Protein backbone atom coordinates (compact mmCIF):
# COMPACT_ATOMS: atom_id res chain seq x y z
CA UNK A 1 65.10 36.84 108.47
CA UNK A 2 68.17 36.24 106.32
CA UNK A 3 66.16 36.87 103.17
CA UNK A 4 64.92 40.13 104.67
CA UNK A 5 68.51 41.15 105.40
CA UNK A 6 69.48 40.33 101.82
CA UNK A 7 66.72 42.62 100.59
CA UNK A 8 67.46 45.48 102.95
CA UNK A 9 71.26 45.49 102.76
CA UNK A 10 71.52 46.75 99.15
CA UNK A 11 69.03 49.51 99.93
CA UNK A 12 70.95 50.59 103.00
CA UNK A 13 74.25 50.54 101.15
CA UNK A 14 72.87 52.53 98.23
CA UNK A 15 71.47 55.16 100.58
CA UNK A 16 74.89 55.49 102.23
CA UNK A 17 76.95 55.53 99.04
CA UNK A 18 74.90 57.96 96.96
CA UNK A 19 75.76 61.55 97.95
CA UNK A 20 72.82 63.81 98.76
CA UNK A 21 71.70 66.17 95.99
CA UNK A 22 70.68 68.88 98.44
CA UNK A 23 73.87 70.93 98.12
CA UNK A 24 73.80 71.01 94.31
CA UNK A 25 70.09 71.78 94.23
CA UNK A 26 70.44 74.61 96.75
CA UNK A 27 73.42 76.06 94.92
CA UNK A 28 71.66 76.03 91.58
CA UNK A 29 68.58 77.55 93.19
CA UNK A 30 70.55 80.66 94.06
CA UNK A 31 72.51 80.73 90.80
CA UNK A 32 69.15 80.82 89.02
CA UNK A 33 67.53 83.01 91.66
CA UNK A 34 65.83 86.36 91.10
CA UNK A 35 68.21 88.10 93.53
CA UNK A 36 70.95 88.16 90.88
CA UNK A 37 71.30 91.20 88.63
CA UNK A 38 70.83 90.63 84.92
CA UNK A 39 74.25 92.15 84.31
CA UNK A 40 75.87 89.51 86.50
CA UNK A 41 73.81 86.71 85.04
CA UNK A 42 75.00 87.53 81.52
CA UNK A 43 78.54 86.54 82.54
CA UNK A 44 77.59 82.99 83.59
CA UNK A 45 78.84 81.34 80.36
CA UNK A 46 82.32 82.79 80.95
CA UNK A 47 82.50 82.37 84.72
CA UNK A 48 80.61 79.07 85.10
CA UNK A 49 79.42 79.58 88.69
CA UNK A 50 77.93 76.13 89.33
CA UNK A 51 80.89 74.20 87.89
CA UNK A 52 83.41 76.45 89.63
CA UNK A 53 81.87 76.28 93.11
CA UNK A 54 81.29 72.53 92.84
CA UNK A 55 84.93 72.13 91.74
CA UNK A 56 85.94 73.85 94.98
CA UNK A 57 83.68 71.43 96.94
CA UNK A 58 81.43 74.05 98.46
CA UNK A 59 78.84 72.58 100.81
CA UNK A 60 76.11 73.80 103.15
CA UNK A 61 77.35 74.27 106.70
CA UNK A 62 80.81 75.51 105.72
CA UNK A 63 82.50 78.72 106.75
CA UNK A 64 83.41 80.38 103.46
CA UNK A 65 85.46 83.54 102.91
CA UNK A 66 85.32 85.44 99.64
CA UNK A 67 88.17 87.89 99.17
CA UNK A 68 87.30 91.29 97.68
CA UNK A 69 83.74 90.60 96.49
CA UNK A 70 83.88 93.74 94.28
CA UNK A 71 81.42 96.49 93.45
CA UNK A 72 79.49 94.17 91.16
CA UNK A 73 78.99 91.62 93.98
CA UNK A 74 79.14 88.85 91.38
CA UNK A 75 79.82 85.87 93.65
CA UNK A 76 78.35 87.64 96.70
CA UNK A 77 74.84 87.42 95.19
CA UNK A 78 75.19 83.62 95.10
CA UNK A 79 77.29 82.80 98.15
CA UNK A 80 75.58 84.96 100.78
CA UNK A 81 72.07 83.51 100.32
CA UNK A 82 73.39 79.98 99.72
CA UNK A 83 75.14 79.98 103.12
CA UNK A 84 72.59 82.15 104.94
CA UNK A 85 70.71 79.40 106.78
CA UNK A 86 73.27 76.60 106.73
CA UNK A 87 76.77 77.94 106.89
CA UNK A 88 78.72 81.12 107.43
CA UNK A 89 79.67 83.53 104.65
CA UNK A 90 82.37 86.15 105.25
CA UNK A 91 82.98 88.93 102.73
CA UNK A 92 86.57 90.11 103.14
CA UNK A 93 86.54 93.64 101.73
CA UNK A 94 89.47 95.72 100.52
CA UNK A 95 91.45 97.06 103.43
CA UNK A 96 92.14 100.09 101.22
CA UNK A 97 95.87 100.02 100.51
CA UNK A 98 95.71 98.59 96.99
CA UNK A 99 93.20 101.06 95.56
CA UNK A 100 91.48 103.37 98.06
CA UNK A 101 88.81 104.51 95.61
CA UNK A 102 87.94 100.92 94.67
CA UNK A 103 87.90 99.99 98.35
CA UNK A 104 85.40 102.73 99.17
CA UNK A 105 83.20 101.75 96.23
CA UNK A 106 83.24 98.08 97.26
CA UNK A 107 82.40 98.91 100.89
CA UNK A 108 79.51 101.10 99.75
CA UNK A 109 78.18 98.51 97.29
CA UNK A 110 78.33 95.52 99.65
CA UNK A 111 77.12 97.53 102.63
CA UNK A 112 74.25 98.85 100.54
CA UNK A 113 73.16 95.36 99.53
CA UNK A 114 73.26 94.14 103.12
CA UNK A 115 71.25 97.13 104.34
CA UNK A 116 68.65 97.09 101.56
CA UNK A 117 68.13 93.30 101.42
CA UNK A 118 68.65 92.15 104.99
CA UNK A 119 66.53 89.03 104.53
CA UNK A 120 69.00 87.76 101.93
CA UNK A 121 72.30 89.26 103.01
CA UNK A 122 71.86 90.31 106.63
CA UNK A 123 73.81 87.37 108.05
CA UNK A 124 76.93 88.26 106.06
CA UNK A 125 80.00 88.85 108.22
CA UNK A 126 82.45 91.50 107.04
CA UNK A 127 86.22 91.29 107.40
CA UNK A 128 89.20 93.02 105.81
CA UNK A 129 91.89 91.70 103.50
CA UNK A 130 94.80 92.16 103.90
CA UNK A 131 94.21 91.87 107.62
CA UNK A 132 92.32 88.60 107.88
CA UNK A 133 94.42 87.42 110.77
CA UNK A 134 93.37 90.41 112.87
CA UNK A 135 89.64 89.76 112.32
CA UNK A 136 89.27 85.97 111.91
CA UNK A 137 90.39 83.20 114.29
CA UNK A 138 93.15 80.89 113.11
CA UNK A 139 92.11 77.51 111.66
CA UNK A 140 88.45 78.59 111.38
CA UNK A 141 87.66 78.65 107.64
CA UNK A 142 86.65 75.68 105.45
CA UNK A 143 86.87 77.36 102.06
CA UNK A 144 88.57 80.58 100.97
CA UNK A 145 87.93 81.93 97.48
CA UNK A 146 89.75 84.59 95.48
CA UNK A 147 88.73 85.55 91.96
CA UNK A 148 91.07 87.66 89.79
CA UNK A 149 92.86 89.28 92.73
CA UNK A 150 96.25 87.58 92.92
CA UNK A 151 97.74 89.67 90.11
CA UNK A 152 96.98 92.81 92.16
CA UNK A 153 98.88 91.53 95.21
CA UNK A 154 101.84 90.42 93.11
CA UNK A 155 101.94 93.87 91.51
CA UNK A 156 101.78 95.49 94.97
CA UNK A 157 104.52 93.21 96.31
CA UNK A 158 102.47 91.77 99.19
CA UNK A 159 101.23 88.51 97.63
CA UNK A 160 103.29 86.24 99.88
CA UNK A 161 102.02 88.00 103.02
CA UNK A 162 98.42 87.76 101.82
CA UNK A 163 98.77 84.04 101.04
CA UNK A 164 100.22 83.49 104.52
CA UNK A 165 97.07 85.10 105.94
CA UNK A 166 94.94 82.71 103.91
CA UNK A 167 96.96 79.82 105.30
CA UNK A 168 96.58 81.04 108.90
CA UNK A 169 92.78 81.30 108.86
CA UNK A 170 92.07 78.08 106.94
CA UNK A 171 91.52 74.86 108.84
CA UNK A 172 94.03 72.04 108.23
CA UNK A 173 92.74 70.42 105.05
CA UNK A 174 90.76 73.56 104.21
CA UNK A 175 90.48 74.57 100.56
CA UNK A 176 91.93 77.64 98.86
CA UNK A 177 90.29 78.30 95.49
CA UNK A 178 92.12 80.60 93.08
CA UNK A 179 90.95 81.92 89.72
CA UNK A 180 92.99 84.42 87.72
CA UNK A 181 93.97 85.49 84.21
CA UNK A 182 96.35 82.97 82.62
CA UNK A 183 99.52 84.33 80.99
CA UNK A 184 101.27 83.05 77.92
CA UNK A 185 104.39 80.97 78.50
CA UNK A 186 106.35 82.43 75.57
CA UNK A 187 106.59 85.98 76.92
CA UNK A 188 108.31 87.42 80.02
CA UNK A 189 106.34 87.12 83.25
CA UNK A 190 106.86 90.78 84.20
CA UNK A 191 105.46 91.96 80.88
CA UNK A 192 102.44 89.69 81.24
CA UNK A 193 101.88 90.83 84.84
CA UNK A 194 101.60 94.43 83.68
CA UNK A 195 98.84 93.25 81.35
CA UNK A 196 97.03 91.52 84.25
CA UNK A 197 98.03 87.94 83.38
CA UNK A 198 99.87 85.40 85.57
CA UNK A 199 101.93 82.33 84.72
CA UNK A 200 99.97 79.35 86.09
CA UNK A 201 103.10 77.38 86.97
CA UNK A 202 104.54 80.33 88.92
CA UNK A 203 101.27 80.78 90.84
CA UNK A 204 101.27 77.11 91.84
CA UNK A 205 104.89 77.29 93.01
CA UNK A 206 104.25 80.45 95.02
CA UNK A 207 101.18 79.09 96.81
CA UNK A 208 102.67 75.65 97.50
CA UNK A 209 105.70 77.35 99.03
CA UNK A 210 103.34 78.89 101.61
CA UNK A 211 102.20 75.49 102.95
CA UNK A 212 99.51 74.51 100.46
CA UNK A 213 99.27 71.53 98.13
CA UNK A 214 97.69 71.71 94.69
CA UNK A 215 95.05 68.97 94.47
CA UNK A 216 93.25 69.87 91.23
CA UNK A 217 93.31 72.26 88.32
CA UNK A 218 90.58 72.96 85.81
CA UNK A 219 89.91 74.75 82.54
CA UNK A 220 86.36 75.65 83.57
CA UNK A 221 87.04 79.31 82.71
CA UNK A 222 89.47 78.76 79.83
CA UNK A 223 89.14 80.81 76.64
CA UNK A 224 91.41 79.78 73.75
CA UNK A 225 90.36 82.87 71.79
CA UNK A 226 92.23 85.13 74.22
CA UNK A 227 95.59 85.90 72.57
CA UNK A 228 96.75 87.90 75.64
CA UNK A 229 98.41 90.61 73.56
CA UNK A 230 95.79 93.33 73.78
CA UNK A 231 96.71 97.05 73.84
CA UNK A 232 95.21 97.68 77.30
CA UNK A 233 96.01 94.26 78.69
CA UNK A 234 93.29 92.03 80.07
CA UNK A 235 91.16 95.13 80.65
CA UNK A 236 90.77 95.44 76.86
CA UNK A 237 88.35 92.52 77.01
CA UNK A 238 84.87 92.41 78.51
CA UNK A 239 83.57 93.18 81.01
CA UNK A 240 85.91 96.20 81.32
CA UNK A 241 86.29 97.09 77.59
CA UNK A 242 88.77 99.83 78.46
CA UNK A 243 89.08 100.96 74.82
CA UNK A 244 85.33 101.62 74.78
CA UNK A 245 84.14 101.72 71.15
CA UNK A 246 87.53 101.04 69.59
CA UNK A 247 87.35 97.50 68.09
CA UNK A 248 84.51 96.82 70.51
CA UNK A 249 82.87 94.09 68.44
CA UNK A 250 86.20 92.32 68.02
CA UNK A 251 86.80 92.17 71.77
CA UNK A 252 83.23 91.17 72.49
CA UNK A 253 83.68 88.30 70.04
CA UNK A 254 86.80 87.15 71.93
CA UNK A 255 84.94 87.27 75.24
CA UNK A 256 86.38 87.34 78.75
CA UNK A 257 89.99 86.43 79.50
CA UNK A 258 91.46 82.95 79.54
CA UNK A 259 91.58 81.90 83.21
CA UNK A 260 93.08 79.12 85.30
CA UNK A 261 91.13 77.56 88.16
CA UNK A 262 93.25 76.03 90.92
CA UNK A 263 92.27 74.12 94.05
CA UNK A 264 94.74 73.92 96.94
CA UNK A 265 94.47 72.39 100.41
CA UNK A 266 96.25 73.50 103.55
CA UNK A 267 98.76 70.80 104.37
CA UNK A 268 98.37 69.16 107.77
CA UNK A 269 100.99 70.27 110.26
CA UNK A 270 101.82 73.43 108.31
């Protein structure tokens, strides 16, 4: 009997210690899935969806909020089907104050996807941001994600209020994942903000002040070729290419903006 225990114990321990591969496999299934548009798929090298979502510890069964999923539905195409059967995905659309035209376009785009592909997206819950606290219960969200939105709220002057909403709806220990355009440190913050870029250190200080703790930072979406001194700001670069054909090949060669990727947790008792 003792010899049998000696044989079984390592097997039992290994089964307990090795994390299941199901989450990664399921995530990659949808990243590689046919539901994604080719236009969105072409941005994978710059946005690194698998590495980014795994960095934020996404898992089946979680309640996940994506803030402002955008007309292109870039992360929506991955997150909604990934969480469809095991989990809860909430798309928090523009409330409309920041850019009413963009808000209408986003509502139409996301609503159209849900209506036309109900088997994939029909379980998506819609909310509004700003305004999360009026539509979502407090302490109910495991993971809240915002991609290239923070600079808009800082420009509008409501960033602190929006971050407080994030804090209110996240569970204690819940994760806030933030990705945005990284500013240079040798130029004034206000000047860089007008160009769409944010100082990483200032972002960390602002979010930690609201009751979060930074637990990890990553250069998953870094781009050292981005000099951050473009004539139309970050929108000079792809995918926007605001200057159209002017120096188009040059900006395509630079690629998308240099971005920081930050992982915060809601501090217990906050």
